[in-house]
Amino acid sequence: LPSGACPAPTGSSCTNGVNVAAYRNNISYSLRYGSATSNVGPDYNIGMTPYAQGIATSLSVPYVGTDSGPTVATANGPLYYLDAASTPYAGFSYDANNSTLLFTGYFEPPVSGTYTICSEGDNLDNFYFGSANAFSCGSTATPTGSTPDIVATYTAQVCKIFTLTVNLLYPIRSVYGMVELPSSLNTTITGPGSSTPLDLSTLLIPQNSPYV
């Protein structure tokens, strides 16, 4: 197999999408993942129980702003913390103020060639690609200490180029941390010879698929 790749799925009735798990994030600046003033890394949630789980058919999360209610420094959180920020996504509701969303699954490239993966996250996204960094083929475990392929914040989009082979699967792990509002994540995959990002709705397979 090429580096980072996994064998094609063994069944034809795979669910499309990636697993998404929502974790609590600390409201303290020094203890939260995604804060510029903390040393909390993307592995902090390993061993924690997610407060919600679902399936998403993309790697992006829609923008949530502060225009749906007042945001003040209260006992519930710091400035820009909105009490009413419960937001539907991937079949569940998450707190868009201060959550971490963990995406895990496989990308199945439709053709062989060079792909560009880009991410921009408010506040932070650590994106891992391939079996060496994201997770091992067929495993539902999350490795620790891996080096992210992309580290993206709200300051600029970050991209990386990968050479991929059709009829193979490539593990994906994206650890998206929110720190107050607004929050959003925009992760795209663009195929060979194109400038338009792919529609990922039929190109993603959950990490826990029985066919991998």
N, C-alpha and C. Protein backbone atom coordinates (compact mmCIF):
# COMPACT_ATOMS: atom_id res chain seq x y z
N LEU A 1 0.83 -1.21 0.00
CA LEU A 1 0.00 0.00 0.00
C LEU A 1 0.87 1.26 0.00
N PRO A 2 0.41 2.31 -0.65
CA PRO A 2 1.12 3.59 -0.56
C PRO A 2 1.14 4.10 0.88
N SER A 3 2.08 4.96 1.18
CA SER A 3 2.21 5.50 2.53
C SER A 3 0.93 6.19 2.97
N GLY A 4 0.46 5.85 4.17
CA GLY A 4 -0.71 6.49 4.76
C GLY A 4 -2.04 5.92 4.34
N ALA A 5 -2.04 4.97 3.39
CA ALA A 5 -3.29 4.45 2.85
C ALA A 5 -3.74 3.18 3.56
N CYS A 6 -5.04 2.88 3.42
CA CYS A 6 -5.64 1.66 3.95
C CYS A 6 -6.37 0.95 2.82
N PRO A 7 -6.59 -0.37 2.93
CA PRO A 7 -7.31 -1.09 1.88
C PRO A 7 -8.72 -0.56 1.67
N ALA A 8 -9.25 -0.80 0.49
CA ALA A 8 -10.61 -0.38 0.16
C ALA A 8 -11.61 -1.08 1.07
N PRO A 9 -12.80 -0.50 1.26
CA PRO A 9 -13.81 -1.14 2.11
C PRO A 9 -14.21 -2.51 1.58
N THR A 10 -14.56 -3.40 2.50
CA THR A 10 -14.90 -4.77 2.12
C THR A 10 -16.37 -4.95 1.79
N GLY A 11 -17.18 -3.93 1.99
CA GLY A 11 -18.61 -4.01 1.69
C GLY A 11 -19.06 -2.82 0.87
N SER A 12 -20.19 -2.97 0.24
CA SER A 12 -20.69 -1.92 -0.64
C SER A 12 -21.78 -1.06 0.00
N SER A 13 -22.11 -1.34 1.26
CA SER A 13 -23.20 -0.61 1.90
C SER A 13 -22.68 0.26 3.04
N CYS A 14 -21.53 0.87 2.81
CA CYS A 14 -20.94 1.72 3.84
C CYS A 14 -21.79 2.96 4.08
N THR A 15 -21.84 3.39 5.33
CA THR A 15 -22.44 4.67 5.66
C THR A 15 -21.53 5.78 5.19
N ASN A 16 -22.08 6.81 4.60
CA ASN A 16 -21.29 7.96 4.19
C ASN A 16 -21.19 8.95 5.34
N GLY A 17 -19.99 9.49 5.53
CA GLY A 17 -19.79 10.48 6.57
C GLY A 17 -18.66 10.10 7.50
N VAL A 18 -18.38 10.97 8.45
CA VAL A 18 -17.36 10.71 9.45
C VAL A 18 -17.99 10.77 10.84
N ASN A 19 -17.40 10.05 11.78
CA ASN A 19 -17.82 10.13 13.17
C ASN A 19 -17.48 11.52 13.72
N VAL A 20 -18.38 12.08 14.50
CA VAL A 20 -18.12 13.34 15.19
C VAL A 20 -18.47 13.15 16.66
N ALA A 21 -17.53 13.49 17.53
CA ALA A 21 -17.77 13.41 18.97
C ALA A 21 -17.53 14.78 19.59
N ALA A 22 -18.44 15.21 20.46
CA ALA A 22 -18.34 16.52 21.10
C ALA A 22 -17.86 16.37 22.53
N TYR A 23 -16.86 17.17 22.90
CA TYR A 23 -16.28 17.14 24.24
C TYR A 23 -16.36 18.52 24.89
N ARG A 24 -16.43 18.52 26.20
CA ARG A 24 -16.40 19.78 26.94
C ARG A 24 -15.01 20.41 26.83
N ASN A 25 -15.00 21.72 26.76
CA ASN A 25 -13.76 22.47 26.80
C ASN A 25 -13.82 23.40 28.02
N ASN A 26 -12.70 23.59 28.67
CA ASN A 26 -12.66 24.41 29.88
C ASN A 26 -12.91 25.88 29.54
N ILE A 27 -13.59 26.62 30.42
CA ILE A 27 -13.82 28.03 30.16
C ILE A 27 -12.66 28.90 30.63
N SER A 28 -11.72 28.32 31.36
CA SER A 28 -10.55 29.07 31.80
C SER A 28 -9.56 29.21 30.66
N TYR A 29 -9.06 30.43 30.44
CA TYR A 29 -8.14 30.66 29.34
C TYR A 29 -6.92 29.76 29.41
N SER A 30 -6.42 29.50 30.59
CA SER A 30 -5.19 28.74 30.73
C SER A 30 -5.41 27.23 30.65
N LEU A 31 -6.68 26.80 30.64
CA LEU A 31 -6.98 25.36 30.69
C LEU A 31 -7.79 24.88 29.50
N ARG A 32 -7.99 25.73 28.51
CA ARG A 32 -8.85 25.34 27.39
C ARG A 32 -8.03 25.04 26.14
N TYR A 33 -8.48 24.05 25.40
CA TYR A 33 -7.88 23.72 24.10
C TYR A 33 -8.30 24.76 23.07
N GLY A 34 -7.32 25.32 22.39
CA GLY A 34 -7.60 26.32 21.37
C GLY A 34 -7.26 27.73 21.79
N SER A 35 -6.97 27.93 23.08
CA SER A 35 -6.62 29.25 23.56
C SER A 35 -5.14 29.53 23.33
N ALA A 36 -4.83 30.75 22.91
CA ALA A 36 -3.44 31.12 22.66
C ALA A 36 -2.63 31.17 23.94
N THR A 37 -3.29 31.25 25.08
CA THR A 37 -2.58 31.38 26.35
C THR A 37 -2.49 30.07 27.12
N SER A 38 -2.90 28.96 26.51
CA SER A 38 -2.83 27.67 27.20
C SER A 38 -1.88 26.73 26.49
N ASN A 39 -1.49 25.70 27.21
CA ASN A 39 -0.65 24.65 26.63
C ASN A 39 -1.43 23.35 26.46
N VAL A 40 -2.75 23.44 26.41
CA VAL A 40 -3.59 22.26 26.27
C VAL A 40 -3.55 21.79 24.82
N GLY A 41 -3.16 20.53 24.62
CA GLY A 41 -2.98 20.00 23.28
C GLY A 41 -4.21 19.27 22.76
N PRO A 42 -4.16 18.84 21.50
CA PRO A 42 -5.31 18.18 20.87
C PRO A 42 -5.59 16.78 21.39
N ASP A 43 -4.73 16.25 22.26
CA ASP A 43 -4.97 14.92 22.83
C ASP A 43 -5.68 14.99 24.18
N TYR A 44 -6.05 16.20 24.63
CA TYR A 44 -6.58 16.34 25.99
C TYR A 44 -7.84 15.51 26.23
N ASN A 45 -8.59 15.25 25.16
CA ASN A 45 -9.88 14.57 25.32
C ASN A 45 -9.77 13.05 25.30
N ILE A 46 -8.58 12.51 25.06
CA ILE A 46 -8.43 11.06 25.05
C ILE A 46 -8.73 10.51 26.45
N GLY A 47 -9.62 9.56 26.51
CA GLY A 47 -10.05 8.99 27.79
C GLY A 47 -11.29 9.65 28.35
N MET A 48 -11.68 10.80 27.79
CA MET A 48 -12.91 11.46 28.22
C MET A 48 -14.12 10.85 27.50
N THR A 49 -15.27 10.98 28.09
CA THR A 49 -16.51 10.53 27.46
C THR A 49 -17.15 11.72 26.74
N PRO A 50 -17.41 11.61 25.44
CA PRO A 50 -18.06 12.71 24.74
C PRO A 50 -19.47 12.94 25.25
N TYR A 51 -19.91 14.19 25.24
CA TYR A 51 -21.27 14.46 25.69
C TYR A 51 -22.29 14.30 24.56
N ALA A 52 -21.80 14.14 23.33
CA ALA A 52 -22.70 13.89 22.19
C ALA A 52 -21.89 13.27 21.06
N GLN A 53 -22.56 12.48 20.21
CA GLN A 53 -21.90 11.85 19.07
C GLN A 53 -22.87 11.79 17.89
N GLY A 54 -22.30 11.81 16.68
CA GLY A 54 -23.13 11.72 15.50
C GLY A 54 -22.29 11.47 14.26
N ILE A 55 -22.91 11.66 13.10
CA ILE A 55 -22.25 11.47 11.81
C ILE A 55 -22.41 12.75 10.99
N ALA A 56 -21.29 13.23 10.44
CA ALA A 56 -21.32 14.41 9.57
C ALA A 56 -20.88 14.02 8.17
N THR A 57 -21.45 14.66 7.17
CA THR A 57 -21.10 14.37 5.78
C THR A 57 -20.18 15.43 5.19
N SER A 58 -19.58 16.23 6.06
CA SER A 58 -18.55 17.17 5.64
C SER A 58 -17.55 17.29 6.77
N LEU A 59 -16.49 18.07 6.53
CA LEU A 59 -15.47 18.29 7.55
C LEU A 59 -15.51 19.73 8.05
N SER A 60 -16.57 20.44 7.73
CA SER A 60 -16.73 21.84 8.12
C SER A 60 -17.88 21.99 9.11
N VAL A 61 -17.81 23.08 9.87
CA VAL A 61 -18.85 23.41 10.85
C VAL A 61 -19.33 24.83 10.57
N PRO A 62 -20.63 25.04 10.41
CA PRO A 62 -21.13 26.38 10.07
C PRO A 62 -20.79 27.43 11.13
N TYR A 63 -20.70 28.64 10.66
CA TYR A 63 -20.41 29.80 11.51
C TYR A 63 -21.52 30.01 12.54
N VAL A 64 -21.12 30.25 13.78
CA VAL A 64 -22.05 30.66 14.83
C VAL A 64 -21.52 31.96 15.42
N GLY A 65 -22.33 33.02 15.34
CA GLY A 65 -21.89 34.33 15.82
C GLY A 65 -22.56 34.72 17.11
N THR A 66 -22.42 35.99 17.44
CA THR A 66 -22.97 36.50 18.69
C THR A 66 -24.24 37.30 18.48
N ASP A 67 -24.84 37.20 17.29
CA ASP A 67 -25.98 38.05 16.98
C ASP A 67 -27.31 37.47 17.45
N SER A 68 -27.29 36.30 18.08
CA SER A 68 -28.55 35.69 18.52
C SER A 68 -28.84 35.94 19.99
N GLY A 69 -28.04 36.80 20.63
CA GLY A 69 -28.29 37.09 22.03
C GLY A 69 -27.14 37.87 22.63
N PRO A 70 -27.31 38.39 23.85
CA PRO A 70 -26.24 39.16 24.48
C PRO A 70 -25.10 38.25 24.93
N THR A 71 -23.90 38.78 24.87
CA THR A 71 -22.73 38.04 25.34
C THR A 71 -22.02 38.90 26.38
N VAL A 72 -21.91 38.39 27.57
CA VAL A 72 -21.31 39.15 28.65
C VAL A 72 -20.45 38.23 29.51
N ALA A 73 -19.60 38.83 30.31
CA ALA A 73 -18.81 38.06 31.26
C ALA A 73 -19.71 37.73 32.45
N THR A 74 -20.06 36.47 32.61
CA THR A 74 -20.94 36.04 33.69
C THR A 74 -20.32 34.85 34.39
N ALA A 75 -21.04 34.34 35.37
CA ALA A 75 -20.57 33.15 36.07
C ALA A 75 -20.52 31.94 35.15
N ASN A 76 -21.26 32.01 34.05
CA ASN A 76 -21.30 30.90 33.11
C ASN A 76 -20.14 30.91 32.11
N GLY A 77 -19.43 32.01 32.03
CA GLY A 77 -18.35 32.05 31.06
C GLY A 77 -17.82 33.46 30.86
N PRO A 78 -16.78 33.59 30.05
CA PRO A 78 -16.14 34.88 29.83
C PRO A 78 -16.87 35.73 28.79
N LEU A 79 -16.31 36.86 28.46
CA LEU A 79 -16.85 37.71 27.40
C LEU A 79 -16.97 36.91 26.12
N TYR A 80 -18.04 37.17 25.36
CA TYR A 80 -18.36 36.47 24.12
C TYR A 80 -18.87 35.05 24.36
N TYR A 81 -19.28 34.77 25.58
CA TYR A 81 -19.90 33.48 25.88
C TYR A 81 -21.41 33.67 25.83
N LEU A 82 -22.07 32.96 24.97
CA LEU A 82 -23.51 33.11 24.76
C LEU A 82 -24.24 31.91 25.34
N ASP A 83 -25.09 32.14 26.33
CA ASP A 83 -25.79 31.04 26.98
C ASP A 83 -26.68 30.26 26.02
N ALA A 84 -27.17 30.92 24.97
CA ALA A 84 -28.12 30.28 24.06
C ALA A 84 -27.45 29.70 22.82
N ALA A 85 -26.19 29.32 22.93
CA ALA A 85 -25.45 28.88 21.75
C ALA A 85 -25.49 27.37 21.53
N SER A 86 -26.56 26.71 21.97
CA SER A 86 -26.73 25.29 21.66
C SER A 86 -27.08 25.17 20.18
N THR A 87 -26.24 24.45 19.44
CA THR A 87 -26.31 24.48 17.98
C THR A 87 -26.44 23.07 17.42
N PRO A 88 -27.41 22.81 16.53
CA PRO A 88 -27.54 21.48 15.94
C PRO A 88 -26.47 21.21 14.90
N TYR A 89 -25.93 19.99 14.94
CA TYR A 89 -24.91 19.58 13.97
C TYR A 89 -24.74 18.07 14.07
N ALA A 90 -24.62 17.40 12.94
CA ALA A 90 -24.31 15.96 12.88
C ALA A 90 -25.29 15.10 13.67
N GLY A 91 -26.52 15.57 13.81
CA GLY A 91 -27.52 14.79 14.52
C GLY A 91 -27.59 15.01 16.01
N PHE A 92 -26.86 16.01 16.52
CA PHE A 92 -26.91 16.34 17.94
C PHE A 92 -26.78 17.85 18.09
N SER A 93 -26.83 18.34 19.32
CA SER A 93 -26.61 19.75 19.59
C SER A 93 -25.34 19.91 20.42
N TYR A 94 -24.54 20.91 20.07
CA TYR A 94 -23.30 21.16 20.79
C TYR A 94 -23.26 22.61 21.26
N ASP A 95 -22.42 22.87 22.25
CA ASP A 95 -22.22 24.22 22.77
C ASP A 95 -21.17 24.91 21.91
N ALA A 96 -21.60 25.87 21.08
CA ALA A 96 -20.68 26.52 20.15
C ALA A 96 -19.72 27.49 20.82
N ASN A 97 -19.91 27.75 22.11
CA ASN A 97 -18.99 28.61 22.83
C ASN A 97 -17.65 27.92 23.10
N ASN A 98 -17.75 26.75 23.68
CA ASN A 98 -16.57 26.15 24.29
C ASN A 98 -16.61 24.64 24.21
N SER A 99 -16.62 24.10 23.02
CA SER A 99 -16.59 22.65 22.83
C SER A 99 -15.41 22.28 21.95
N THR A 100 -15.12 20.99 21.94
CA THR A 100 -14.18 20.43 20.98
C THR A 100 -14.92 19.36 20.19
N LEU A 101 -14.86 19.46 18.86
CA LEU A 101 -15.45 18.44 18.00
C LEU A 101 -14.33 17.61 17.39
N LEU A 102 -14.43 16.30 17.58
CA LEU A 102 -13.44 15.36 17.05
C LEU A 102 -14.05 14.63 15.86
N PHE A 103 -13.46 14.82 14.69
CA PHE A 103 -13.88 14.14 13.47
C PHE A 103 -12.93 12.97 13.20
N THR A 104 -13.48 11.78 12.97
CA THR A 104 -12.65 10.63 12.62
C THR A 104 -13.33 9.82 11.53
N GLY A 105 -12.57 9.44 10.54
CA GLY A 105 -13.12 8.66 9.44
C GLY A 105 -12.11 8.50 8.33
N TYR A 106 -12.60 8.10 7.18
CA TYR A 106 -11.73 7.84 6.03
C TYR A 106 -12.19 8.67 4.83
N PHE A 107 -11.22 9.13 4.06
CA PHE A 107 -11.49 9.77 2.77
C PHE A 107 -11.17 8.78 1.67
N GLU A 108 -12.11 8.62 0.73
CA GLU A 108 -11.93 7.72 -0.40
C GLU A 108 -11.82 8.56 -1.68
N PRO A 109 -10.59 8.78 -2.18
CA PRO A 109 -10.42 9.65 -3.35
C PRO A 109 -11.09 9.06 -4.58
N PRO A 110 -11.82 9.87 -5.35
CA PRO A 110 -12.51 9.35 -6.53
C PRO A 110 -11.59 9.04 -7.70
N VAL A 111 -10.42 9.67 -7.74
CA VAL A 111 -9.41 9.41 -8.78
C VAL A 111 -8.04 9.52 -8.14
N SER A 112 -7.04 8.97 -8.81
CA SER A 112 -5.66 9.11 -8.33
C SER A 112 -5.12 10.48 -8.73
N GLY A 113 -4.24 11.01 -7.90
CA GLY A 113 -3.63 12.28 -8.24
C GLY A 113 -3.31 13.11 -7.02
N THR A 114 -3.09 14.39 -7.25
CA THR A 114 -2.69 15.33 -6.21
C THR A 114 -3.91 16.06 -5.65
N TYR A 115 -4.04 16.00 -4.33
CA TYR A 115 -5.17 16.63 -3.64
C TYR A 115 -4.65 17.71 -2.69
N THR A 116 -5.42 18.77 -2.58
CA THR A 116 -5.10 19.86 -1.65
C THR A 116 -6.13 19.90 -0.54
N ILE A 117 -5.66 19.76 0.69
CA ILE A 117 -6.53 19.84 1.86
C ILE A 117 -6.25 21.16 2.56
N CYS A 118 -7.30 21.93 2.82
CA CYS A 118 -7.17 23.23 3.47
C CYS A 118 -8.08 23.30 4.69
N SER A 119 -7.64 24.03 5.69
CA SER A 119 -8.45 24.21 6.88
C SER A 119 -8.27 25.62 7.43
N GLU A 120 -9.36 26.13 8.00
CA GLU A 120 -9.35 27.39 8.73
C GLU A 120 -10.33 27.25 9.87
N GLY A 121 -9.86 27.37 11.11
CA GLY A 121 -10.72 27.10 12.26
C GLY A 121 -10.70 28.22 13.27
N ASP A 122 -11.86 28.57 13.76
CA ASP A 122 -11.98 29.55 14.83
C ASP A 122 -12.53 28.81 16.06
N ASN A 123 -11.66 28.40 16.96
CA ASN A 123 -10.38 29.01 17.22
C ASN A 123 -9.18 28.21 16.66
N LEU A 124 -9.28 26.87 16.66
CA LEU A 124 -8.11 26.05 16.32
C LEU A 124 -8.55 24.71 15.77
N ASP A 125 -7.85 24.27 14.72
CA ASP A 125 -8.05 22.92 14.20
C ASP A 125 -6.70 22.25 14.01
N ASN A 126 -6.53 21.09 14.62
CA ASN A 126 -5.38 20.23 14.35
C ASN A 126 -5.88 19.10 13.47
N PHE A 127 -5.33 19.01 12.27
CA PHE A 127 -5.82 18.07 11.26
C PHE A 127 -4.74 17.04 10.97
N TYR A 128 -5.11 15.76 11.08
CA TYR A 128 -4.19 14.64 10.86
C TYR A 128 -4.68 13.83 9.67
N PHE A 129 -3.75 13.43 8.81
CA PHE A 129 -4.14 12.70 7.60
C PHE A 129 -3.23 11.49 7.41
N GLY A 130 -3.84 10.35 7.08
CA GLY A 130 -3.08 9.14 6.80
C GLY A 130 -2.95 8.24 8.01
N SER A 131 -2.65 6.98 7.76
CA SER A 131 -2.63 5.98 8.83
C SER A 131 -1.50 6.19 9.82
N ALA A 132 -0.46 6.92 9.46
CA ALA A 132 0.65 7.15 10.39
C ALA A 132 0.30 8.22 11.41
N ASN A 133 -0.52 9.18 11.04
CA ASN A 133 -0.81 10.30 11.92
C ASN A 133 -2.23 10.29 12.49
N ALA A 134 -3.22 10.00 11.64
CA ALA A 134 -4.62 10.10 12.09
C ALA A 134 -4.98 8.94 13.01
N PHE A 135 -4.92 7.72 12.48
CA PHE A 135 -5.13 6.49 13.26
C PHE A 135 -4.82 5.32 12.34
N SER A 136 -4.58 4.17 12.92
CA SER A 136 -4.21 2.98 12.15
C SER A 136 -5.41 2.42 11.40
N CYS A 137 -5.15 1.78 10.28
CA CYS A 137 -6.21 1.19 9.46
C CYS A 137 -7.07 0.23 10.29
N GLY A 138 -8.38 0.40 10.25
CA GLY A 138 -9.29 -0.48 10.94
C GLY A 138 -9.38 -0.28 12.43
N SER A 139 -8.66 0.68 12.98
CA SER A 139 -8.64 0.90 14.42
C SER A 139 -9.67 1.96 14.81
N THR A 140 -10.22 1.81 16.00
CA THR A 140 -11.10 2.85 16.54
C THR A 140 -10.41 3.61 17.67
N ALA A 141 -9.12 3.33 17.88
CA ALA A 141 -8.35 4.01 18.92
C ALA A 141 -7.74 5.29 18.36
N THR A 142 -7.48 6.24 19.25
CA THR A 142 -6.84 7.49 18.87
C THR A 142 -5.41 7.48 19.34
N PRO A 143 -4.44 7.61 18.44
CA PRO A 143 -3.04 7.63 18.87
C PRO A 143 -2.71 8.93 19.60
N THR A 144 -1.70 8.89 20.45
CA THR A 144 -1.27 10.09 21.16
C THR A 144 0.07 10.55 20.61
N GLY A 145 0.30 11.84 20.68
CA GLY A 145 1.60 12.39 20.31
C GLY A 145 1.87 12.49 18.83
N SER A 146 0.87 12.29 17.98
CA SER A 146 1.08 12.41 16.54
C SER A 146 1.29 13.87 16.16
N THR A 147 2.02 14.07 15.07
CA THR A 147 2.24 15.42 14.56
C THR A 147 1.14 15.79 13.58
N PRO A 148 0.41 16.86 13.82
CA PRO A 148 -0.66 17.24 12.87
C PRO A 148 -0.09 17.66 11.53
N ASP A 149 -0.80 17.33 10.47
CA ASP A 149 -0.39 17.76 9.14
C ASP A 149 -0.75 19.22 8.89
N ILE A 150 -1.82 19.67 9.52
CA ILE A 150 -2.25 21.06 9.39
C ILE A 150 -2.63 21.58 10.77
N VAL A 151 -2.12 22.76 11.11
CA VAL A 151 -2.54 23.47 12.32
C VAL A 151 -3.13 24.80 11.85
N ALA A 152 -4.44 24.96 12.00
CA ALA A 152 -5.12 26.11 11.42
C ALA A 152 -5.90 26.88 12.48
N THR A 153 -5.83 28.20 12.41
CA THR A 153 -6.60 29.07 13.29
C THR A 153 -7.46 29.99 12.42
N TYR A 154 -8.08 30.98 13.07
CA TYR A 154 -8.92 31.92 12.33
C TYR A 154 -8.12 33.00 11.61
N THR A 155 -6.80 33.01 11.81
CA THR A 155 -5.99 34.08 11.21
C THR A 155 -5.72 33.85 9.73
N ALA A 156 -5.69 32.59 9.30
CA ALA A 156 -5.40 32.32 7.89
C ALA A 156 -5.71 30.87 7.56
N GLN A 157 -6.08 30.63 6.31
CA GLN A 157 -6.27 29.27 5.83
C GLN A 157 -4.91 28.60 5.65
N VAL A 158 -4.82 27.33 6.04
CA VAL A 158 -3.58 26.56 5.90
C VAL A 158 -3.88 25.35 5.02
N CYS A 159 -3.01 25.09 4.04
CA CYS A 159 -3.23 24.01 3.09
C CYS A 159 -2.02 23.08 3.02
N LYS A 160 -2.27 21.85 2.62
CA LYS A 160 -1.20 20.89 2.38
C LYS A 160 -1.59 19.99 1.22
N ILE A 161 -0.59 19.58 0.44
CA ILE A 161 -0.82 18.77 -0.75
C ILE A 161 -0.47 17.31 -0.47
N PHE A 162 -1.33 16.40 -0.93
CA PHE A 162 -1.12 14.96 -0.77
C PHE A 162 -1.32 14.27 -2.11
N THR A 163 -0.53 13.24 -2.37
CA THR A 163 -0.71 12.40 -3.55
C THR A 163 -1.44 11.13 -3.13
N LEU A 164 -2.63 10.92 -3.69
CA LEU A 164 -3.51 9.85 -3.24
C LEU A 164 -3.85 8.91 -4.39
N THR A 165 -4.26 7.68 -4.03
CA THR A 165 -4.56 6.63 -5.00
C THR A 165 -6.01 6.21 -4.90
N VAL A 166 -6.68 6.10 -6.04
CA VAL A 166 -8.08 5.71 -6.07
C VAL A 166 -8.24 4.27 -5.55
N ASN A 167 -9.42 3.95 -5.05
CA ASN A 167 -9.77 2.63 -4.51
C ASN A 167 -9.02 2.29 -3.23
N LEU A 168 -8.49 3.30 -2.57
CA LEU A 168 -7.90 3.13 -1.25
C LEU A 168 -8.54 4.13 -0.30
N LEU A 169 -8.36 3.90 0.99
CA LEU A 169 -8.91 4.78 2.01
C LEU A 169 -7.78 5.49 2.75
N TYR A 170 -8.04 6.72 3.18
CA TYR A 170 -7.05 7.50 3.91
C TYR A 170 -7.68 8.03 5.21
N PRO A 171 -7.14 7.60 6.36
CA PRO A 171 -7.69 8.05 7.64
C PRO A 171 -7.59 9.56 7.83
N ILE A 172 -8.62 10.11 8.46
CA ILE A 172 -8.70 11.53 8.78
C ILE A 172 -9.04 11.68 10.25
N ARG A 173 -8.34 12.59 10.91
CA ARG A 173 -8.70 12.99 12.28
C ARG A 173 -8.57 14.51 12.39
N SER A 174 -9.63 15.15 12.76
CA SER A 174 -9.65 16.60 12.89
C SER A 174 -10.12 16.96 14.29
N VAL A 175 -9.31 17.74 15.02
CA VAL A 175 -9.63 18.11 16.39
C VAL A 175 -9.88 19.62 16.42
N TYR A 176 -11.15 19.98 16.42
CA TYR A 176 -11.55 21.38 16.29
C TYR A 176 -11.98 21.94 17.64
N GLY A 177 -11.26 22.94 18.12
CA GLY A 177 -11.54 23.54 19.41
C GLY A 177 -12.13 24.93 19.30
N MET A 178 -13.21 25.18 20.05
CA MET A 178 -13.88 26.48 20.07
C MET A 178 -13.54 27.22 21.34
N VAL A 179 -13.28 28.50 21.21
CA VAL A 179 -12.99 29.36 22.36
C VAL A 179 -13.84 30.62 22.23
N GLU A 180 -14.97 30.65 22.87
CA GLU A 180 -15.93 31.75 22.78
C GLU A 180 -16.44 31.90 21.35
N LEU A 181 -17.38 32.81 21.17
CA LEU A 181 -17.93 33.08 19.85
C LEU A 181 -17.22 34.28 19.21
N PRO A 182 -17.21 34.35 17.89
CA PRO A 182 -17.80 33.41 16.94
C PRO A 182 -16.99 32.13 16.83
N SER A 183 -17.60 31.10 16.25
CA SER A 183 -16.90 29.85 16.00
C SER A 183 -17.27 29.34 14.62
N SER A 184 -16.32 28.71 13.96
CA SER A 184 -16.56 28.11 12.64
C SER A 184 -15.36 27.28 12.25
N LEU A 185 -15.59 26.31 11.38
CA LEU A 185 -14.53 25.48 10.83
C LEU A 185 -14.80 25.27 9.35
N ASN A 186 -13.80 25.53 8.54
CA ASN A 186 -13.93 25.32 7.10
C ASN A 186 -12.77 24.45 6.62
N THR A 187 -13.05 23.17 6.41
CA THR A 187 -12.04 22.23 5.93
C THR A 187 -12.50 21.68 4.59
N THR A 188 -11.65 21.80 3.58
CA THR A 188 -12.01 21.40 2.22
C THR A 188 -10.95 20.49 1.63
N ILE A 189 -11.37 19.66 0.68
CA ILE A 189 -10.46 18.82 -0.10
C ILE A 189 -10.73 19.10 -1.57
N THR A 190 -9.70 19.49 -2.29
CA THR A 190 -9.81 19.80 -3.71
C THR A 190 -9.05 18.76 -4.51
N GLY A 191 -9.68 18.23 -5.55
CA GLY A 191 -9.11 17.15 -6.33
C GLY A 191 -8.15 17.61 -7.41
N PRO A 192 -7.55 16.64 -8.12
CA PRO A 192 -6.57 16.94 -9.16
C PRO A 192 -7.14 17.82 -10.27
N GLY A 193 -6.39 18.84 -10.65
CA GLY A 193 -6.77 19.68 -11.77
C GLY A 193 -7.98 20.54 -11.56
N SER A 194 -8.36 20.76 -10.32
CA SER A 194 -9.57 21.53 -10.03
C SER A 194 -9.26 22.62 -9.01
N SER A 195 -10.05 23.66 -9.05
CA SER A 195 -9.96 24.72 -8.04
C SER A 195 -11.21 24.75 -7.16
N THR A 196 -12.13 23.83 -7.43
CA THR A 196 -13.39 23.77 -6.68
C THR A 196 -13.33 22.62 -5.68
N PRO A 197 -13.55 22.88 -4.40
CA PRO A 197 -13.53 21.80 -3.41
C PRO A 197 -14.56 20.72 -3.73
N LEU A 198 -14.22 19.49 -3.37
CA LEU A 198 -15.10 18.35 -3.61
C LEU A 198 -16.31 18.38 -2.68
N ASP A 199 -17.41 17.84 -3.18
CA ASP A 199 -18.55 17.51 -2.32
C ASP A 199 -18.19 16.21 -1.61
N LEU A 200 -17.98 16.28 -0.31
CA LEU A 200 -17.48 15.13 0.44
C LEU A 200 -18.58 14.18 0.91
N SER A 201 -19.82 14.48 0.61
CA SER A 201 -20.93 13.72 1.20
C SER A 201 -20.93 12.24 0.84
N THR A 202 -20.30 11.86 -0.29
CA THR A 202 -20.24 10.45 -0.67
C THR A 202 -18.81 9.92 -0.66
N LEU A 203 -17.87 10.70 -0.13
CA LEU A 203 -16.45 10.32 -0.17
C LEU A 203 -15.87 10.07 1.20
N LEU A 204 -16.71 10.08 2.24
CA LEU A 204 -16.25 9.88 3.60
C LEU A 204 -16.88 8.63 4.20
N ILE A 205 -16.10 7.90 5.00
CA ILE A 205 -16.57 6.68 5.67
C ILE A 205 -16.23 6.80 7.16
N PRO A 206 -17.14 6.47 8.06
CA PRO A 206 -16.86 6.59 9.50
C PRO A 206 -15.71 5.70 9.94
N GLN A 207 -15.01 6.14 10.97
CA GLN A 207 -13.92 5.35 11.52
C GLN A 207 -14.40 3.99 12.01
N ASN A 208 -15.61 3.94 12.56
CA ASN A 208 -16.12 2.69 13.13
C ASN A 208 -16.92 1.85 12.14
N SER A 209 -16.77 2.11 10.85
CA SER A 209 -17.49 1.32 9.84
C SER A 209 -17.07 -0.15 9.92
N PRO A 210 -18.02 -1.09 9.89
CA PRO A 210 -17.67 -2.51 9.93
C PRO A 210 -17.05 -3.01 8.64
N TYR A 211 -17.03 -2.16 7.61
CA TYR A 211 -16.52 -2.59 6.31
C TYR A 211 -15.07 -2.18 6.08
N VAL A 212 -14.42 -1.62 7.10
CA VAL A 212 -13.03 -1.18 6.95
C VAL A 212 -12.13 -2.08 7.78
